[in-house]
Amino acid sequence: QVQLVESGGGLVQPGGSLRLSCAASGSAFSMYAMGWYRQAPGKQRELVAAITSAGITNYADSVKGRFTISRDNAKSTVNLQMNSLEPEDTAVYYCNAKRVLFNAIWGQGTQVTVSS
């Protein structure tokens, strides 16, 4: 089973960019579907982007064309490149790992704040 640690959050101005990284420790990373979720204050956690073990990606409508998810199985990492950031993107971003017959795994989260 993997453990996840996110990094790369911070404060950025509207229109700016950030790159989030999620490092996984443990075995069989390539067999996990990976995702980035976010939770803004007072709102439910929502899926932002996901990538399957085969590299198929999926995005929330609100981030299509602005965010890109990628994975490097050799390094056991998954990244989220976020461009053209908007104040509405402000949230705690969580890395998630899923595998059939295993419990979902969450990272501790990283804060992203988009503000001028």
N, C-alpha and C. Protein backbone atom coordinates (compact mmCIF):
# COMPACT_ATOMS: atom_id res chain seq x y z
N GLN A 1 0.84 -1.18 0.00
CA GLN A 1 0.00 0.00 0.00
C GLN A 1 0.88 1.24 0.00
N VAL A 2 0.44 2.28 -0.72
CA VAL A 2 1.24 3.49 -0.82
C VAL A 2 0.85 4.50 0.23
N GLN A 3 1.75 5.42 0.50
CA GLN A 3 1.49 6.62 1.28
C GLN A 3 1.79 7.81 0.39
N LEU A 4 1.02 8.90 0.59
CA LEU A 4 1.08 10.03 -0.31
C LEU A 4 1.48 11.31 0.42
N VAL A 5 2.35 12.10 -0.20
CA VAL A 5 2.75 13.40 0.35
C VAL A 5 2.68 14.44 -0.77
N GLU A 6 1.84 15.47 -0.55
CA GLU A 6 1.69 16.53 -1.55
C GLU A 6 2.66 17.68 -1.25
N SER A 7 2.99 18.40 -2.30
CA SER A 7 3.81 19.61 -2.17
C SER A 7 3.49 20.54 -3.33
N GLY A 8 3.92 21.80 -3.18
CA GLY A 8 3.80 22.75 -4.29
C GLY A 8 2.71 23.78 -4.14
N GLY A 9 1.93 23.72 -3.08
CA GLY A 9 0.90 24.72 -2.89
C GLY A 9 1.50 26.07 -2.51
N GLY A 10 0.63 27.07 -2.45
CA GLY A 10 1.09 28.39 -2.06
C GLY A 10 0.13 29.47 -2.48
N LEU A 11 0.62 30.70 -2.41
CA LEU A 11 -0.17 31.88 -2.78
C LEU A 11 0.24 32.34 -4.18
N VAL A 12 -0.72 32.57 -5.03
CA VAL A 12 -0.44 33.01 -6.39
C VAL A 12 -1.49 34.02 -6.81
N GLN A 13 -1.11 34.94 -7.67
CA GLN A 13 -2.06 35.94 -8.16
C GLN A 13 -2.97 35.34 -9.24
N PRO A 14 -4.16 35.91 -9.41
CA PRO A 14 -5.02 35.46 -10.52
C PRO A 14 -4.28 35.51 -11.84
N GLY A 15 -4.47 34.44 -12.64
CA GLY A 15 -3.77 34.32 -13.90
C GLY A 15 -2.44 33.61 -13.81
N GLY A 16 -1.98 33.38 -12.59
CA GLY A 16 -0.71 32.73 -12.40
C GLY A 16 -0.79 31.21 -12.50
N SER A 17 0.35 30.57 -12.23
CA SER A 17 0.46 29.11 -12.34
C SER A 17 1.09 28.52 -11.08
N LEU A 18 0.73 27.29 -10.81
CA LEU A 18 1.35 26.48 -9.76
C LEU A 18 1.43 25.05 -10.25
N ARG A 19 2.40 24.33 -9.72
CA ARG A 19 2.54 22.92 -10.03
C ARG A 19 2.53 22.13 -8.73
N LEU A 20 1.53 21.30 -8.56
CA LEU A 20 1.44 20.44 -7.38
C LEU A 20 2.07 19.09 -7.70
N SER A 21 2.73 18.54 -6.71
CA SER A 21 3.32 17.22 -6.85
C SER A 21 2.85 16.32 -5.71
N CYS A 22 2.72 15.05 -6.02
CA CYS A 22 2.34 14.05 -5.03
C CYS A 22 3.32 12.90 -5.15
N ALA A 23 4.07 12.68 -4.08
CA ALA A 23 5.05 11.60 -4.06
C ALA A 23 4.48 10.42 -3.30
N ALA A 24 4.59 9.25 -3.89
CA ALA A 24 4.06 8.04 -3.28
C ALA A 24 5.19 7.15 -2.81
N SER A 25 5.04 6.63 -1.62
CA SER A 25 5.98 5.64 -1.12
C SER A 25 5.25 4.31 -1.00
N GLY A 26 5.98 3.22 -1.08
CA GLY A 26 5.35 1.92 -1.06
C GLY A 26 5.43 1.27 -2.42
N SER A 27 4.74 0.18 -2.56
CA SER A 27 4.87 -0.62 -3.78
C SER A 27 3.65 -0.49 -4.68
N ALA A 28 3.84 -0.89 -5.93
CA ALA A 28 2.75 -1.03 -6.90
C ALA A 28 2.09 0.29 -7.27
N PHE A 29 2.86 1.38 -7.26
CA PHE A 29 2.28 2.69 -7.61
C PHE A 29 1.63 2.64 -8.99
N SER A 30 2.25 1.98 -9.93
CA SER A 30 1.74 1.98 -11.30
C SER A 30 0.37 1.33 -11.42
N MET A 31 -0.04 0.58 -10.43
CA MET A 31 -1.33 -0.10 -10.47
C MET A 31 -2.47 0.75 -9.92
N TYR A 32 -2.14 1.91 -9.39
CA TYR A 32 -3.14 2.79 -8.80
C TYR A 32 -3.62 3.82 -9.81
N ALA A 33 -4.92 4.07 -9.79
CA ALA A 33 -5.47 5.26 -10.42
C ALA A 33 -5.24 6.41 -9.46
N MET A 34 -4.78 7.54 -9.99
CA MET A 34 -4.44 8.68 -9.15
C MET A 34 -5.35 9.86 -9.46
N GLY A 35 -5.59 10.66 -8.44
CA GLY A 35 -6.44 11.81 -8.65
C GLY A 35 -6.07 12.96 -7.75
N TRP A 36 -6.49 14.15 -8.17
CA TRP A 36 -6.39 15.36 -7.35
C TRP A 36 -7.81 15.82 -7.05
N TYR A 37 -8.07 16.06 -5.78
CA TYR A 37 -9.34 16.60 -5.31
C TYR A 37 -9.05 17.93 -4.63
N ARG A 38 -10.10 18.71 -4.45
CA ARG A 38 -9.94 19.94 -3.69
C ARG A 38 -11.17 20.19 -2.84
N GLN A 39 -10.94 20.92 -1.77
CA GLN A 39 -12.04 21.27 -0.86
C GLN A 39 -11.87 22.72 -0.43
N ALA A 40 -12.83 23.54 -0.82
CA ALA A 40 -12.85 24.94 -0.42
C ALA A 40 -13.65 25.07 0.88
N PRO A 41 -13.43 26.13 1.63
CA PRO A 41 -14.15 26.31 2.90
C PRO A 41 -15.66 26.28 2.68
N GLY A 42 -16.34 25.46 3.47
CA GLY A 42 -17.79 25.38 3.39
C GLY A 42 -18.32 24.58 2.23
N LYS A 43 -17.44 23.95 1.47
CA LYS A 43 -17.87 23.17 0.31
C LYS A 43 -17.42 21.72 0.43
N GLN A 44 -18.08 20.87 -0.35
CA GLN A 44 -17.70 19.47 -0.36
C GLN A 44 -16.42 19.26 -1.17
N ARG A 45 -15.72 18.21 -0.84
CA ARG A 45 -14.54 17.85 -1.61
C ARG A 45 -14.98 17.42 -3.01
N GLU A 46 -14.24 17.88 -4.02
CA GLU A 46 -14.61 17.58 -5.40
C GLU A 46 -13.41 17.10 -6.19
N LEU A 47 -13.69 16.27 -7.19
CA LEU A 47 -12.64 15.79 -8.07
C LEU A 47 -12.21 16.91 -9.00
N VAL A 48 -10.91 17.10 -9.12
CA VAL A 48 -10.34 18.09 -10.04
C VAL A 48 -9.84 17.41 -11.30
N ALA A 49 -9.03 16.37 -11.12
CA ALA A 49 -8.46 15.66 -12.26
C ALA A 49 -8.05 14.27 -11.81
N ALA A 50 -8.08 13.33 -12.76
CA ALA A 50 -7.71 11.96 -12.45
C ALA A 50 -6.96 11.36 -13.63
N ILE A 51 -6.14 10.36 -13.31
CA ILE A 51 -5.40 9.65 -14.36
C ILE A 51 -5.36 8.17 -13.99
N THR A 52 -5.72 7.33 -14.92
CA THR A 52 -5.75 5.90 -14.65
C THR A 52 -4.34 5.32 -14.73
N SER A 53 -4.24 4.06 -14.37
CA SER A 53 -2.95 3.37 -14.47
C SER A 53 -2.47 3.31 -15.92
N ALA A 54 -3.41 3.38 -16.85
CA ALA A 54 -3.07 3.36 -18.28
C ALA A 54 -2.80 4.76 -18.85
N GLY A 55 -2.95 5.77 -18.01
CA GLY A 55 -2.66 7.13 -18.46
C GLY A 55 -3.84 7.89 -19.03
N ILE A 56 -5.04 7.36 -18.89
CA ILE A 56 -6.23 8.06 -19.36
C ILE A 56 -6.61 9.12 -18.34
N THR A 57 -6.87 10.33 -18.83
CA THR A 57 -7.13 11.45 -17.93
C THR A 57 -8.59 11.89 -17.97
N ASN A 58 -8.99 12.54 -16.89
CA ASN A 58 -10.35 13.06 -16.76
C ASN A 58 -10.27 14.33 -15.94
N TYR A 59 -11.06 15.35 -16.33
CA TYR A 59 -11.00 16.65 -15.65
C TYR A 59 -12.39 17.16 -15.31
N ALA A 60 -12.47 17.89 -14.23
CA ALA A 60 -13.68 18.63 -13.94
C ALA A 60 -13.86 19.71 -15.01
N ASP A 61 -15.11 20.00 -15.35
CA ASP A 61 -15.37 21.00 -16.38
C ASP A 61 -14.74 22.35 -16.04
N SER A 62 -14.71 22.66 -14.76
CA SER A 62 -14.22 23.98 -14.33
C SER A 62 -12.73 24.17 -14.56
N VAL A 63 -11.99 23.09 -14.78
CA VAL A 63 -10.54 23.22 -14.93
C VAL A 63 -10.04 22.76 -16.30
N LYS A 64 -10.95 22.27 -17.14
CA LYS A 64 -10.53 21.81 -18.47
C LYS A 64 -9.87 22.93 -19.25
N GLY A 65 -8.75 22.61 -19.86
CA GLY A 65 -8.00 23.59 -20.63
C GLY A 65 -7.04 24.42 -19.80
N ARG A 66 -7.14 24.33 -18.46
CA ARG A 66 -6.26 25.11 -17.59
C ARG A 66 -5.33 24.21 -16.78
N PHE A 67 -5.81 23.05 -16.37
CA PHE A 67 -5.05 22.12 -15.53
C PHE A 67 -4.65 20.90 -16.35
N THR A 68 -3.49 20.34 -16.00
CA THR A 68 -3.02 19.12 -16.64
C THR A 68 -2.47 18.16 -15.58
N ILE A 69 -3.00 16.96 -15.58
CA ILE A 69 -2.50 15.93 -14.66
C ILE A 69 -1.56 15.00 -15.41
N SER A 70 -0.51 14.57 -14.74
CA SER A 70 0.44 13.65 -15.35
C SER A 70 1.02 12.75 -14.26
N ARG A 71 1.56 11.63 -14.69
CA ARG A 71 2.17 10.72 -13.72
C ARG A 71 3.49 10.20 -14.27
N ASP A 72 4.39 9.88 -13.35
CA ASP A 72 5.67 9.28 -13.69
C ASP A 72 5.81 8.04 -12.83
N ASN A 73 5.53 6.90 -13.41
CA ASN A 73 5.54 5.66 -12.63
C ASN A 73 6.95 5.30 -12.16
N ALA A 74 7.96 5.68 -12.91
CA ALA A 74 9.33 5.38 -12.51
C ALA A 74 9.72 6.14 -11.24
N LYS A 75 9.15 7.34 -11.07
CA LYS A 75 9.44 8.15 -9.89
C LYS A 75 8.33 8.07 -8.85
N SER A 76 7.24 7.35 -9.15
CA SER A 76 6.10 7.23 -8.24
C SER A 76 5.54 8.60 -7.86
N THR A 77 5.34 9.42 -8.88
CA THR A 77 4.80 10.75 -8.64
C THR A 77 3.64 11.04 -9.58
N VAL A 78 2.76 11.91 -9.12
CA VAL A 78 1.69 12.45 -9.96
C VAL A 78 1.68 13.95 -9.76
N ASN A 79 1.58 14.67 -10.86
CA ASN A 79 1.65 16.13 -10.82
C ASN A 79 0.37 16.76 -11.35
N LEU A 80 0.11 17.97 -10.89
CA LEU A 80 -1.01 18.75 -11.40
C LEU A 80 -0.47 20.13 -11.77
N GLN A 81 -0.38 20.40 -13.05
CA GLN A 81 0.02 21.71 -13.53
C GLN A 81 -1.22 22.57 -13.65
N MET A 82 -1.22 23.69 -12.93
CA MET A 82 -2.38 24.56 -12.88
C MET A 82 -2.01 25.92 -13.47
N ASN A 83 -2.64 26.26 -14.57
CA ASN A 83 -2.41 27.53 -15.25
C ASN A 83 -3.67 28.39 -15.21
N SER A 84 -3.51 29.67 -15.49
CA SER A 84 -4.64 30.60 -15.52
C SER A 84 -5.50 30.47 -14.27
N LEU A 85 -4.85 30.47 -13.14
CA LEU A 85 -5.57 30.25 -11.88
C LEU A 85 -6.53 31.39 -11.58
N GLU A 86 -7.63 31.01 -10.97
CA GLU A 86 -8.71 31.94 -10.63
C GLU A 86 -8.94 31.90 -9.13
N PRO A 87 -9.49 32.97 -8.56
CA PRO A 87 -9.79 32.94 -7.12
C PRO A 87 -10.65 31.75 -6.72
N GLU A 88 -11.51 31.30 -7.64
CA GLU A 88 -12.37 30.15 -7.34
C GLU A 88 -11.60 28.84 -7.22
N ASP A 89 -10.34 28.84 -7.61
CA ASP A 89 -9.50 27.64 -7.46
C ASP A 89 -8.91 27.53 -6.06
N THR A 90 -9.12 28.53 -5.23
CA THR A 90 -8.60 28.50 -3.87
C THR A 90 -9.23 27.35 -3.09
N ALA A 91 -8.39 26.50 -2.53
CA ALA A 91 -8.86 25.33 -1.80
C ALA A 91 -7.66 24.57 -1.25
N VAL A 92 -7.95 23.58 -0.43
CA VAL A 92 -6.94 22.59 -0.06
C VAL A 92 -7.01 21.48 -1.10
N TYR A 93 -5.88 21.17 -1.69
CA TYR A 93 -5.81 20.15 -2.74
C TYR A 93 -5.24 18.86 -2.15
N TYR A 94 -5.93 17.77 -2.45
CA TYR A 94 -5.57 16.45 -1.92
C TYR A 94 -5.23 15.49 -3.04
N CYS A 95 -4.20 14.72 -2.83
CA CYS A 95 -3.84 13.63 -3.73
C CYS A 95 -4.56 12.36 -3.27
N ASN A 96 -4.98 11.55 -4.24
CA ASN A 96 -5.76 10.35 -3.93
C ASN A 96 -5.26 9.20 -4.79
N ALA A 97 -5.22 8.02 -4.19
CA ALA A 97 -4.83 6.81 -4.92
C ALA A 97 -5.92 5.75 -4.75
N LYS A 98 -6.31 5.13 -5.87
CA LYS A 98 -7.35 4.11 -5.83
C LYS A 98 -6.88 2.86 -6.56
N ARG A 99 -7.28 1.72 -6.00
CA ARG A 99 -6.94 0.45 -6.63
C ARG A 99 -8.04 -0.53 -6.27
N VAL A 100 -8.45 -1.35 -7.23
CA VAL A 100 -9.53 -2.31 -7.00
C VAL A 100 -9.18 -3.21 -5.82
N LEU A 101 -10.16 -3.40 -4.95
CA LEU A 101 -10.06 -4.27 -3.78
C LEU A 101 -9.20 -3.68 -2.66
N PHE A 102 -8.76 -2.43 -2.83
CA PHE A 102 -7.98 -1.76 -1.78
C PHE A 102 -8.72 -0.48 -1.35
N ASN A 103 -8.51 -0.09 -0.11
CA ASN A 103 -9.09 1.18 0.34
C ASN A 103 -8.42 2.36 -0.35
N ALA A 104 -9.20 3.39 -0.60
CA ALA A 104 -8.63 4.62 -1.17
C ALA A 104 -7.65 5.24 -0.16
N ILE A 105 -6.62 5.89 -0.71
CA ILE A 105 -5.57 6.51 0.11
C ILE A 105 -5.55 7.99 -0.17
N TRP A 106 -5.40 8.80 0.88
CA TRP A 106 -5.38 10.25 0.76
C TRP A 106 -4.08 10.82 1.31
N GLY A 107 -3.62 11.89 0.69
CA GLY A 107 -2.53 12.65 1.26
C GLY A 107 -3.06 13.63 2.29
N GLN A 108 -2.14 14.42 2.87
CA GLN A 108 -2.53 15.34 3.94
C GLN A 108 -3.08 16.65 3.42
N GLY A 109 -2.88 16.93 2.15
CA GLY A 109 -3.41 18.15 1.54
C GLY A 109 -2.40 19.27 1.49
N THR A 110 -2.57 20.14 0.50
CA THR A 110 -1.72 21.32 0.36
C THR A 110 -2.60 22.50 -0.03
N GLN A 111 -2.37 23.65 0.62
CA GLN A 111 -3.22 24.82 0.41
C GLN A 111 -2.82 25.56 -0.85
N VAL A 112 -3.81 25.89 -1.66
CA VAL A 112 -3.62 26.76 -2.82
C VAL A 112 -4.51 27.97 -2.63
N THR A 113 -3.92 29.15 -2.65
CA THR A 113 -4.66 30.40 -2.50
C THR A 113 -4.39 31.28 -3.70
N VAL A 114 -5.46 31.68 -4.38
CA VAL A 114 -5.35 32.54 -5.55
C VAL A 114 -5.95 33.89 -5.17
N SER A 115 -5.11 34.87 -5.06
CA SER A 115 -5.56 36.18 -4.58
C SER A 115 -4.57 37.25 -5.00
N SER A 116 -5.11 38.44 -5.25
CA SER A 116 -4.25 39.57 -5.56
C SER A 116 -3.93 40.38 -4.30
